[in-house]
């Protein structure tokens, strides 16, 4: 063994020993409007070799849910472990909004800062654009990104609390995000870190760099997703380069289902809907030696679960307010195939519309018109279904077959749990629930949009 080889091996051993003495690094990559069926590892046609490799080296969930089918509310839950209707962010926040995630809610970054983590947010924040709501006031040491969606104006790029570009050059955004992430990993490799990397794409308007534009046979959307996959590969490569793979938990998901383009796979519905296609998301997790490779997890999990799970792994204290999420480490680690958990509620705006329990999904309310946009169409009203619809979403993922008549006891049990859970929400949410139940609906075919009853 020559001198260079000796020092390489001993340096690697020293790095491994230091890693064993400290809590895990956390890399949380979050796409925007990515469909359940867009990734190769979920049966999609877009080339995503890096994400497919991440799934092969870790676990892939098939029943993982966003807490909302739209941007801001889903991110509020990801950062707090609480329903968006609890934390005051039930709607999408635009450039004219004067509110954001309330200061009395605790973010995952704040929990990890208390454990001396270095923290960085790169990408789309969308939890308030005014100074008091920006990531640097919510536990992140630094921020580089767009404070809301890229279809909102003015489209600005910020570093910490300063605007550095207006309008944003969208074509190079994924590339610049990635370069920023690599710089953070380089300077943070010596201590525990949390990199929250919420991409701007594939939210519209779509844009890809010259290197990726026209590369996919599936159009610009395919180009954008392939560039996002490249970005994931760059981050994973940096972890290998710095010897951080074995002590880093990497998580990947999306905020809600696809909008006008993209594939929900076999799932029914899209962004802005509480059908499965609007809220069931890809979810991948990798931590070599701690998470099994190549395992597919069918147990129910939610973005609400990220905070309690990561907090436990990192030795961080939980927030003082009660969480809606649970610790899903037994699923991630492969110790359990599924977990007992409370009924999971599907909210859109301030309205609860569906609930999930085990293999069952119960629809109790629905909008009167199709709603794929954050801006409610004129005349939209949330109406109760005259007869709740029950779907076995394990056997029937596209919610094509109502089995409520055959399972009246399941319907009654789930309705009772919804009633009890709704008592725990803030008064405006309880009021919206009561108002919805009081509305009269005309006869509606199963699976259809309900209509108000004639006066």
Protein backbone atom coordinates (compact mmCIF):
# COMPACT_ATOMS: atom_id res chain seq x y z
CA UNK A 1 0.00 0.00 0.00
CA UNK A 2 1.49 3.36 -1.00
CA UNK A 3 1.38 6.51 1.12
CA UNK A 4 -1.44 8.11 -0.89
CA UNK A 5 -3.62 5.01 -0.63
CA UNK A 6 -2.96 4.78 3.14
CA UNK A 7 -4.08 8.36 3.74
CA UNK A 8 -7.13 7.91 1.51
CA UNK A 9 -8.30 4.87 3.50
CA UNK A 10 -7.59 6.38 6.92
CA UNK A 11 -9.29 9.64 5.94
CA UNK A 12 -12.34 7.68 4.83
CA UNK A 13 -12.41 5.75 8.10
CA UNK A 14 -12.16 8.99 10.07
CA UNK A 15 -15.04 10.47 8.09
CA UNK A 16 -17.15 7.38 8.81
CA UNK A 17 -16.39 7.59 12.54
CA UNK A 18 -17.33 11.27 12.65
CA UNK A 19 -20.56 10.52 10.75
CA UNK A 20 -21.46 7.81 13.27
CA UNK A 21 -21.12 10.31 16.11
CA UNK A 22 -23.54 12.86 14.70
CA UNK A 23 -27.22 12.85 13.74
CA UNK A 24 -28.12 12.28 10.07
CA UNK A 25 -28.06 14.95 7.42
CA UNK A 26 -31.45 15.57 5.78
CA UNK A 27 -31.96 16.32 2.09
CA UNK A 28 -35.63 16.95 1.23
CA UNK A 29 -36.25 17.49 -2.50
CA UNK A 30 -39.76 18.61 -3.40
CA UNK A 31 -41.11 18.96 -6.94
CA UNK A 32 -43.98 21.27 -7.90
CA UNK A 33 -47.02 19.80 -9.71
CA UNK A 34 -45.27 16.51 -10.53
CA UNK A 35 -47.66 13.69 -11.41
CA UNK A 36 -47.74 10.32 -9.67
CA UNK A 37 -47.17 8.71 -13.06
CA UNK A 38 -44.38 10.99 -14.30
CA UNK A 39 -41.38 9.02 -13.00
CA UNK A 40 -39.97 5.89 -14.57
CA UNK A 41 -40.05 4.06 -11.24
CA UNK A 42 -43.80 4.72 -11.08
CA UNK A 43 -44.41 3.42 -14.58
CA UNK A 44 -43.97 6.76 -16.36
CA UNK A 45 -42.52 7.31 -19.83
CA UNK A 46 -40.22 10.24 -19.01
CA UNK A 47 -36.57 9.27 -18.55
CA UNK A 48 -35.72 9.67 -14.85
CA UNK A 49 -32.65 7.48 -14.26
CA UNK A 50 -31.45 9.29 -11.13
CA UNK A 51 -34.80 9.15 -9.38
CA UNK A 52 -35.22 5.55 -10.50
CA UNK A 53 -31.82 4.76 -8.96
CA UNK A 54 -32.85 6.56 -5.77
CA UNK A 55 -35.88 4.25 -5.60
CA UNK A 56 -33.72 1.19 -6.31
CA UNK A 57 -31.29 2.14 -3.54
CA UNK A 58 -34.08 2.91 -1.06
CA UNK A 59 -37.84 2.64 -0.70
CA UNK A 60 -40.71 3.73 -2.92
CA UNK A 61 -44.13 4.49 -1.45
CA UNK A 62 -47.30 3.82 -3.43
CA UNK A 63 -49.80 5.44 -1.00
CA UNK A 64 -48.15 8.69 0.04
CA UNK A 65 -50.31 11.81 0.24
CA UNK A 66 -49.94 15.53 0.14
CA UNK A 67 -52.08 17.30 2.73
CA UNK A 68 -53.73 19.41 0.02
CA UNK A 69 -54.04 19.45 -3.80
CA UNK A 70 -52.57 22.97 -4.07
CA UNK A 71 -49.21 24.63 -3.45
CA UNK A 72 -49.15 26.79 -0.30
CA UNK A 73 -51.34 24.57 1.90
CA UNK A 74 -49.37 21.44 1.04
CA UNK A 75 -46.08 23.17 1.91
CA UNK A 76 -47.46 24.49 5.17
CA UNK A 77 -48.18 20.92 6.23
CA UNK A 78 -44.82 19.64 5.04
CA UNK A 79 -43.02 22.22 7.16
CA UNK A 80 -45.19 21.88 10.30
CA UNK A 81 -46.65 18.35 10.40
CA UNK A 82 -50.11 19.92 10.84
CA UNK A 83 -53.09 20.27 8.52
CA UNK A 84 -53.04 23.54 6.56
CA UNK A 85 -56.50 24.27 7.95
CA UNK A 86 -54.96 24.26 11.44
CA UNK A 87 -52.00 26.51 10.65
CA UNK A 88 -53.88 29.27 8.84
CA UNK A 89 -52.73 28.50 5.28
CA UNK A 90 -55.75 26.83 3.64
CA UNK A 91 -55.37 28.77 0.37
CA UNK A 92 -52.69 29.63 -2.17
CA UNK A 93 -50.70 32.75 -1.23
CA UNK A 94 -50.04 35.19 -4.07
CA UNK A 95 -47.82 38.27 -4.47
CA UNK A 96 -50.55 40.50 -3.03
CA UNK A 97 -51.03 38.39 0.09
CA UNK A 98 -50.16 40.13 3.34
CA UNK A 99 -50.16 36.95 5.41
CA UNK A 100 -48.11 33.77 5.55
CA UNK A 101 -47.30 30.85 7.82
CA UNK A 102 -48.00 32.25 11.31
CA UNK A 103 -45.05 32.87 13.59
CA UNK A 104 -46.49 30.67 16.32
CA UNK A 105 -46.19 27.62 14.07
CA UNK A 106 -42.85 25.77 14.27
CA UNK A 107 -41.12 24.63 11.09
CA UNK A 108 -38.91 21.61 10.61
CA UNK A 109 -35.97 23.95 10.03
CA UNK A 110 -36.53 25.59 13.41
CA UNK A 111 -36.59 22.19 15.10
CA UNK A 112 -33.30 21.22 13.48
CA UNK A 113 -31.64 24.58 14.16
CA UNK A 114 -32.15 23.82 17.86
CA UNK A 115 -29.98 20.74 17.21
CA UNK A 116 -27.24 22.89 15.63
CA UNK A 117 -28.03 21.93 12.06
CA UNK A 118 -26.95 24.12 9.18
CA UNK A 119 -30.09 24.83 7.18
CA UNK A 120 -30.78 26.03 3.65
CA UNK A 121 -33.91 26.52 1.52
CA UNK A 122 -33.41 26.58 -2.25
CA UNK A 123 -36.38 27.03 -4.56
CA UNK A 124 -40.06 27.83 -4.23
CA UNK A 125 -41.09 28.82 -0.69
CA UNK A 126 -44.75 29.92 -1.08
CA UNK A 127 -45.50 30.42 2.60
CA UNK A 128 -45.47 34.21 2.56
CA UNK A 129 -43.29 36.64 0.61
CA UNK A 130 -43.12 39.53 3.08
CA UNK A 131 -39.89 39.74 5.14
CA UNK A 132 -41.39 38.32 8.32
CA UNK A 133 -42.54 35.16 6.50
CA UNK A 134 -39.44 34.35 4.44
CA UNK A 135 -37.34 31.22 5.09
CA UNK A 136 -34.59 33.17 6.86
CA UNK A 137 -37.16 34.06 9.54
CA UNK A 138 -38.40 30.46 9.80
CA UNK A 139 -35.26 28.56 10.76
CA UNK A 140 -33.22 28.63 7.56
CA UNK A 141 -29.72 30.11 7.57
CA UNK A 142 -30.07 31.05 3.92
CA UNK A 143 -32.55 31.23 1.07
CA UNK A 144 -32.21 31.28 -2.71
CA UNK A 145 -35.34 31.06 -4.82
CA UNK A 146 -38.73 32.36 -5.90
CA UNK A 147 -41.03 33.19 -2.96
CA UNK A 148 -44.17 31.94 -4.75
CA UNK A 149 -45.22 30.27 -8.01
CA UNK A 150 -43.52 31.14 -11.27
CA UNK A 151 -46.84 32.06 -12.94
CA UNK A 152 -47.31 34.91 -10.47
CA UNK A 153 -46.01 38.43 -11.08
CA UNK A 154 -43.68 39.98 -10.34
CA UNK A 155 -41.62 36.81 -10.77
CA UNK A 156 -38.64 37.59 -8.58
CA UNK A 157 -35.55 35.69 -7.55
CA UNK A 158 -34.36 36.31 -4.00
CA UNK A 159 -31.23 35.68 -2.01
CA UNK A 160 -32.16 35.70 1.65
CA UNK A 161 -34.49 38.74 1.82
CA UNK A 162 -33.13 40.69 -1.17
CA UNK A 163 -34.49 40.61 -4.73
CA UNK A 164 -31.60 39.84 -7.09
CA UNK A 165 -33.47 39.28 -10.36
CA UNK A 166 -36.74 40.62 -11.78
CA UNK A 167 -38.07 39.03 -13.91
CA UNK A 168 -36.51 35.62 -13.37
CA UNK A 169 -34.72 33.85 -16.22
CA UNK A 170 -36.72 30.65 -15.93
CA UNK A 171 -34.67 28.73 -18.51
CA UNK A 172 -31.63 28.57 -16.23
CA UNK A 173 -33.46 28.34 -12.92
CA UNK A 174 -33.08 24.59 -12.27
CA UNK A 175 -29.39 24.81 -13.15
CA UNK A 176 -28.82 27.74 -10.78
CA UNK A 177 -30.80 26.09 -7.99
CA UNK A 178 -28.61 23.03 -8.37
CA UNK A 179 -25.37 24.99 -8.32
CA UNK A 180 -26.54 26.69 -5.13
CA UNK A 181 -27.35 23.32 -3.57
CA UNK A 182 -23.90 21.96 -4.40
CA UNK A 183 -22.25 25.00 -2.82
CA UNK A 184 -24.29 24.48 0.35
CA UNK A 185 -23.28 20.82 0.55
CA UNK A 186 -19.63 21.74 0.07
CA UNK A 187 -19.56 24.28 2.88
CA UNK A 188 -21.79 22.25 5.25
CA UNK A 189 -20.21 18.81 4.94
CA UNK A 190 -18.46 19.07 8.31
CA UNK A 191 -21.62 19.39 10.40
CA UNK A 192 -25.20 18.09 10.37
CA UNK A 193 -27.28 19.90 7.74
CA UNK A 194 -30.80 20.19 6.39
CA UNK A 195 -31.19 21.02 2.71
CA UNK A 196 -34.79 21.77 1.75
CA UNK A 197 -34.86 21.88 -2.06
CA UNK A 198 -38.39 22.71 -3.33
CA UNK A 199 -38.08 22.98 -7.12
CA UNK A 200 -40.11 25.51 -9.08
CA UNK A 201 -40.94 23.02 -11.84
CA UNK A 202 -42.82 21.34 -13.46
CA UNK A 203 -45.27 24.08 -12.46
CA UNK A 204 -46.21 26.18 -15.50
CA UNK A 205 -44.90 28.18 -17.28
CA UNK A 206 -42.45 25.45 -18.20
CA UNK A 207 -38.83 26.24 -19.04
CA UNK A 208 -35.70 24.18 -19.55
CA UNK A 209 -32.07 25.04 -20.19
CA UNK A 210 -30.53 24.76 -23.65
CA UNK A 211 -28.93 21.46 -22.64
CA UNK A 212 -32.34 19.86 -22.02
CA UNK A 213 -34.66 21.79 -24.32
CA UNK A 214 -35.90 19.41 -27.05
CA UNK A 215 -34.19 16.41 -25.49
CA UNK A 216 -37.29 14.51 -24.38
CA UNK A 217 -39.66 12.90 -26.91
CA UNK A 218 -42.48 13.99 -24.57
CA UNK A 219 -42.23 17.71 -25.23
CA UNK A 220 -41.23 20.57 -22.99
CA UNK A 221 -42.82 18.96 -19.93
CA UNK A 222 -40.60 15.93 -20.47
CA UNK A 223 -37.56 18.21 -20.89
CA UNK A 224 -38.33 19.92 -17.59
CA UNK A 225 -38.71 16.65 -15.67
CA UNK A 226 -35.53 15.24 -17.21
CA UNK A 227 -33.66 18.35 -16.04
CA UNK A 228 -35.16 17.99 -12.59
CA UNK A 229 -33.94 14.38 -12.58
CA UNK A 230 -30.47 15.60 -13.60
CA UNK A 231 -30.54 17.99 -10.65
CA UNK A 232 -31.32 15.12 -8.28
CA UNK A 233 -28.38 13.24 -9.77
CA UNK A 234 -26.06 16.19 -9.13
CA UNK A 235 -27.11 16.36 -5.48
CA UNK A 236 -26.65 12.62 -5.03
CA UNK A 237 -23.25 12.87 -6.70
CA UNK A 238 -22.18 15.63 -4.33
CA UNK A 239 -23.14 13.46 -1.36
CA UNK A 240 -20.90 10.69 -2.73
CA UNK A 241 -18.07 13.11 -3.43
CA UNK A 242 -18.05 14.39 0.15
CA UNK A 243 -18.46 10.97 1.75
CA UNK A 244 -21.91 11.82 3.08
CA UNK A 245 -24.05 9.06 1.56
CA UNK A 246 -24.08 6.74 4.56
CA UNK A 247 -25.18 9.42 7.01
CA UNK A 248 -27.73 11.28 4.86
CA UNK A 249 -31.45 10.65 4.62
CA UNK A 250 -32.63 11.70 1.16
CA UNK A 251 -36.37 12.19 0.63
CA UNK A 252 -38.15 13.09 -2.61
CA UNK A 253 -41.79 13.97 -3.24
CA UNK A 254 -44.12 16.57 -4.80
CA UNK A 255 -46.58 19.10 -3.44
CA UNK A 256 -49.65 17.96 -5.40
CA UNK A 257 -50.70 16.26 -8.61
CA UNK A 258 -50.11 17.44 -12.19
CA UNK A 259 -51.89 20.49 -13.52
CA UNK A 260 -52.65 20.72 -17.27
CA UNK A 261 -49.81 18.44 -18.36
CA UNK A 262 -48.14 15.52 -16.64
CA UNK A 263 -49.48 12.11 -15.73
CA UNK A 264 -51.37 11.04 -12.60
CA UNK A 265 -50.83 7.44 -13.72
CA UNK A 266 -53.91 5.33 -13.16
CA UNK A 267 -55.24 7.82 -10.63
CA UNK A 268 -58.35 9.89 -11.22
CA UNK A 269 -58.14 13.68 -11.05
CA UNK A 270 -55.41 16.32 -11.14
CA UNK A 271 -54.15 19.34 -9.23
CA UNK A 272 -56.91 21.15 -7.37
CA UNK A 273 -58.96 17.98 -6.87
CA UNK A 274 -59.29 15.62 -3.95
CA UNK A 275 -59.51 12.62 -6.23
CA UNK A 276 -56.35 10.54 -5.84
CA UNK A 277 -54.62 12.16 -8.81
CA UNK A 278 -54.61 15.51 -7.01
CA UNK A 279 -53.06 14.34 -3.75
CA UNK A 280 -51.30 10.97 -4.08
CA UNK A 281 -47.64 11.67 -4.77
CA UNK A 282 -44.37 9.90 -5.48
CA UNK A 283 -42.31 9.46 -2.30
CA UNK A 284 -38.80 8.04 -2.23
CA UNK A 285 -36.46 7.61 0.72
CA UNK A 286 -32.81 6.51 0.86
CA UNK A 287 -30.40 6.03 3.76
CA UNK A 288 -27.93 3.20 3.10
CA UNK A 289 -27.70 0.73 5.94
CA UNK A 290 -30.81 2.11 7.63
CA UNK A 291 -33.38 1.93 4.83
CA UNK A 292 -33.63 -1.28 2.77
CA UNK A 293 -32.88 -1.12 -0.94
CA UNK A 294 -35.50 -1.73 -3.59
CA UNK A 295 -38.48 -2.07 -1.25
CA UNK A 296 -41.97 -0.93 -2.25
CA UNK A 297 -44.11 0.34 0.64
CA UNK A 298 -47.89 0.13 0.35
CA UNK A 299 -48.72 1.54 3.78
CA UNK A 300 -50.51 4.90 4.01
CA UNK A 301 -48.21 7.86 4.68
CA UNK A 302 -48.46 11.62 4.34
CA UNK A 303 -46.37 14.75 3.98
CA UNK A 304 -47.70 15.47 7.47
CA UNK A 305 -45.42 12.67 8.67
CA UNK A 306 -42.13 14.23 7.59
CA UNK A 307 -41.77 16.50 10.63
CA UNK A 308 -42.33 13.88 13.35
CA UNK A 309 -40.21 11.30 11.51
CA UNK A 310 -37.23 13.54 10.83
CA UNK A 311 -37.42 15.13 14.27
CA UNK A 312 -37.13 11.74 15.95
CA UNK A 313 -34.25 10.62 13.77
CA UNK A 314 -32.37 13.84 14.47
CA UNK A 315 -33.08 13.93 18.18
CA UNK A 316 -35.08 17.16 17.88
CA UNK A 317 -37.89 18.06 20.26
CA UNK A 318 -41.37 18.11 18.75
CA UNK A 319 -43.34 21.38 18.59
CA UNK A 320 -45.58 22.28 21.53
CA UNK A 321 -48.68 22.14 19.34
CA UNK A 322 -50.08 18.67 18.58
CA UNK A 323 -49.12 17.17 15.22
CA UNK A 324 -51.40 15.50 12.71
CA UNK A 325 -48.57 13.46 11.24
CA UNK A 326 -47.02 10.34 12.75
CA UNK A 327 -43.52 8.85 12.85
CA UNK A 328 -43.30 6.63 9.75
CA UNK A 329 -39.78 5.37 10.41
CA UNK A 330 -41.13 1.79 10.81
CA UNK A 331 -42.29 2.04 7.17
CA UNK A 332 -39.13 3.70 5.88
CA UNK A 333 -36.91 1.19 7.66
CA UNK A 334 -38.92 -1.76 6.38
CA UNK A 335 -39.83 -2.90 9.90
CA UNK A 336 -43.56 -2.62 9.18
CA UNK A 337 -45.65 -2.94 6.03
CA UNK A 338 -48.30 -0.55 7.33
CA UNK A 339 -49.12 1.46 10.44
CA UNK A 340 -52.29 1.99 12.43
CA UNK A 341 -53.21 5.62 12.10
CA UNK A 342 -56.07 8.03 12.46
CA UNK A 343 -58.37 8.72 9.53
CA UNK A 344 -56.52 10.98 7.07
CA UNK A 345 -58.54 13.99 5.91
CA UNK A 346 -58.45 15.48 2.41
CA UNK A 347 -58.97 19.24 2.50
CA UNK A 348 -59.31 21.63 -0.42
CA UNK A 349 -59.28 25.22 0.76
CA UNK A 350 -61.26 25.30 4.03
CA UNK A 351 -63.40 22.31 3.08
CA UNK A 352 -62.98 18.67 4.01
CA UNK A 353 -64.08 16.57 1.05
CA UNK A 354 -62.73 13.06 1.59
CA UNK A 355 -61.11 10.78 4.16
CA UNK A 356 -58.76 7.78 3.95
CA UNK A 357 -58.66 4.86 6.41
CA UNK A 358 -56.79 1.66 5.62
CA UNK A 359 -57.78 0.69 2.07
CA UNK A 360 -60.91 2.83 2.13
CA UNK A 361 -61.50 6.32 0.81
CA UNK A 362 -64.79 8.08 1.55
CA UNK A 363 -66.02 11.06 -0.49
CA UNK A 364 -68.46 13.26 1.42
CA UNK A 365 -68.41 16.57 -0.51
CA UNK A 366 -67.32 17.94 -3.86
CA UNK A 367 -67.23 21.24 -5.72
CA UNK A 368 -70.11 22.00 -8.05
CA UNK A 369 -67.78 22.74 -10.98
CA UNK A 370 -64.41 21.37 -12.10
CA UNK A 371 -61.63 23.29 -10.39
CA UNK A 372 -58.09 22.85 -11.70
CA UNK A 373 -56.98 26.35 -10.87
CA UNK A 374 -56.07 28.14 -7.63
CA UNK A 375 -58.56 30.85 -8.71
CA UNK A 376 -62.06 29.47 -7.99
CA UNK A 377 -64.31 29.49 -11.06
CA UNK A 378 -67.34 31.73 -10.86
CA UNK A 379 -70.20 30.11 -9.02
CA UNK A 380 -68.19 27.35 -7.36
CA UNK A 381 -69.73 25.98 -4.18
CA UNK A 382 -68.77 23.04 -1.97
CA UNK A 383 -71.72 20.66 -1.81
CA UNK A 384 -72.37 17.53 0.22
CA UNK A 385 -72.90 14.29 -1.67
CA UNK A 386 -76.41 13.03 -1.04
CA UNK A 387 -74.92 9.60 -0.59
CA UNK A 388 -71.24 9.34 0.43
CA UNK A 389 -69.13 7.38 -2.03
CA UNK A 390 -66.71 4.70 -0.82
CA UNK A 391 -63.78 3.42 -2.86
CA UNK A 392 -61.27 0.68 -2.14
CA UNK A 393 -58.25 2.59 -3.47
CA UNK A 394 -55.94 -0.40 -3.12
CA UNK A 395 -57.98 -2.52 -5.53
CA UNK A 396 -59.48 0.46 -7.37
CA UNK A 397 -56.83 3.22 -7.53
CA UNK A 398 -58.72 5.24 -10.15
CA UNK A 399 -61.84 5.41 -7.96
CA UNK A 400 -64.11 3.92 -10.59
CA UNK A 401 -66.33 1.70 -8.45
CA UNK A 402 -68.40 2.96 -5.52
CA UNK A 403 -68.73 0.18 -2.91
CA UNK A 404 -70.61 2.17 -0.25
CA UNK A 405 -73.83 0.11 -0.60
CA UNK A 406 -71.87 -3.08 0.14
CA UNK A 407 -70.02 -1.61 3.13
CA UNK A 408 -72.46 0.49 5.19
CA UNK A 409 -70.59 -0.19 8.45
CA UNK A 410 -67.33 1.22 7.03
CA UNK A 411 -69.20 4.32 5.84
CA UNK A 412 -70.73 4.85 9.27
CA UNK A 413 -67.40 4.38 11.06
CA UNK A 414 -65.60 6.82 8.81
CA UNK A 415 -68.36 9.43 9.02
CA UNK A 416 -68.21 9.20 12.79
CA UNK A 417 -64.44 9.71 12.84
CA UNK A 418 -64.73 12.72 10.51
CA UNK A 419 -67.28 14.25 12.88
CA UNK A 420 -64.98 13.79 15.87
CA UNK A 421 -61.88 15.08 14.10
CA UNK A 422 -63.64 18.18 12.77
CA UNK A 423 -64.39 19.24 16.35
CA UNK A 424 -60.65 19.80 16.84
CA UNK A 425 -60.25 22.37 14.06
CA UNK A 426 -60.46 26.18 14.31
CA UNK A 427 -63.93 27.69 14.31
CA UNK A 428 -63.90 28.91 10.65
CA UNK A 429 -63.12 25.36 9.48
CA UNK A 430 -65.85 23.88 11.67
CA UNK A 431 -68.25 26.51 10.36
CA UNK A 432 -67.41 25.69 6.74
CA UNK A 433 -68.05 22.02 7.49
CA UNK A 434 -71.41 22.78 9.07
CA UNK A 435 -72.44 25.04 6.19
CA UNK A 436 -71.53 22.38 3.64
CA UNK A 437 -73.60 19.73 5.44
CA UNK A 438 -76.57 22.10 5.60
CA UNK A 439 -76.66 22.68 1.83
CA UNK A 440 -79.18 20.77 -0.25
CA UNK A 441 -78.01 18.83 -3.28
CA UNK A 442 -79.99 17.52 -6.21
CA UNK A 443 -79.72 13.88 -7.24
CA UNK A 444 -76.27 13.28 -8.71
CA UNK A 445 -74.89 10.24 -10.51
CA UNK A 446 -72.09 8.51 -8.60
CA UNK A 447 -68.73 10.11 -9.37
CA UNK A 448 -70.32 13.21 -10.88
CA UNK A 449 -70.17 16.84 -9.77
CA UNK A 450 -73.07 17.64 -7.42
CA UNK A 451 -75.55 20.39 -8.19
CA UNK A 452 -77.52 22.58 -5.77
CA UNK A 453 -81.09 21.46 -5.22
CA UNK A 454 -83.75 23.56 -6.89
CA UNK A 455 -85.20 26.19 -4.53
